[in-house]
Every structure is written in C-alpha cells, then in structure tokens.
C-alpha cells in the first residue's frame, strides 16, 4: 500500500492487514510509533523491514501464514512486545536479539523450519507460553529455558529435543503438551 498513507496514520494503534496478498510491508511502517497491534496473517510476506524495530509501543505482532524465512535483528528492539505469532512460515532461525523483547509472554512458532532457538530465549523473563510443535524437522530447545520462572506451558512434538531440566520443572510448575 502507498507509503504516503502511513505518514497520515501516526495515531494508529491497531492495523489489520490479513488476507491481502501482500508481498512486503513498507519501510515506513516504523513511523507508526503508537501502533500496539500489527496483524498481517495469510499474506505472502517473505521478509519484514528492519524499521519494525522502531515500533516502540507494539504489543502484538501476528505474522502467521506467510512466507517468512527470517526476521530482522531489530525485532529485539520491541521492548513492549507481549505476543509474537509466527506459525506457518518458512523460518529457519530466530535472531538472538529476540532476548531484548523483555515483555514477551506468548510465542507461537509452530510449522516452520527451525533447528533451534537461540539461548537468548533465557532472557525472556516474562515468557509464559511457548508453542513449538512442528517448529522444525529436528528442533532443539535451549537449556536457558529452565531459568524462566514464569514459564507455564510448552507445546512440543516428538521431534523436539528438550533439556532434562524442563522435565524436572514439569513436576512442579511447567505443563508440557505433546502433540
């Protein structure tokens, strides 16, 4: 969509662009400093502009059902982000900068091509739920997840390699859901 429209939407808080056959987002998206919710599922996005890191107020980022292969490292600048939905993409990695998303609570990575999560997931002290069923053909969870005191739920499948400490935590506070 035209970048000139974005410059007129500076007070916009929610933007829903699902099912529009979008192939890209304009770099100007980063100018929407009051945006709290960005929902762009069911499109054809193969990348996200690095300017997304400028969305200082963003709390919800929904990018399910696209063609994403990577995320910009600027994703770690989203300090207010609480929910990150990336289901049904082609992601093969998550940038280690994700650890900068200090308010991230809910992460959905189902149906991707991931091999492992970066150890910086251990920096996500507010993480409560992690969904990684079918996140990749052979997928490894980092040991650092064991340090997350608020982590309540992990959804896995038979291809997930989990550190033993998560099974120990399961007996007290963690619910592991296996598909």
Foldseek 3Di string as FASTA:
>chain_A
DDLVVLVVPLQDAEDAAEPPQDQADDLSVLSNQNHAYYAYEHHAHQAYHLSVLSNQNHAYYHHYHYAHQAYDLSCLSNCNHAEEHHAQYAHAAYDLSVLSNQNHAYYAQAQYAYAEYDLSVLSNLNHAEAECANNHQAYEYDPSVLNRPNHAEYEYEPRYDYDPSQVVCCVPGHDYHYD
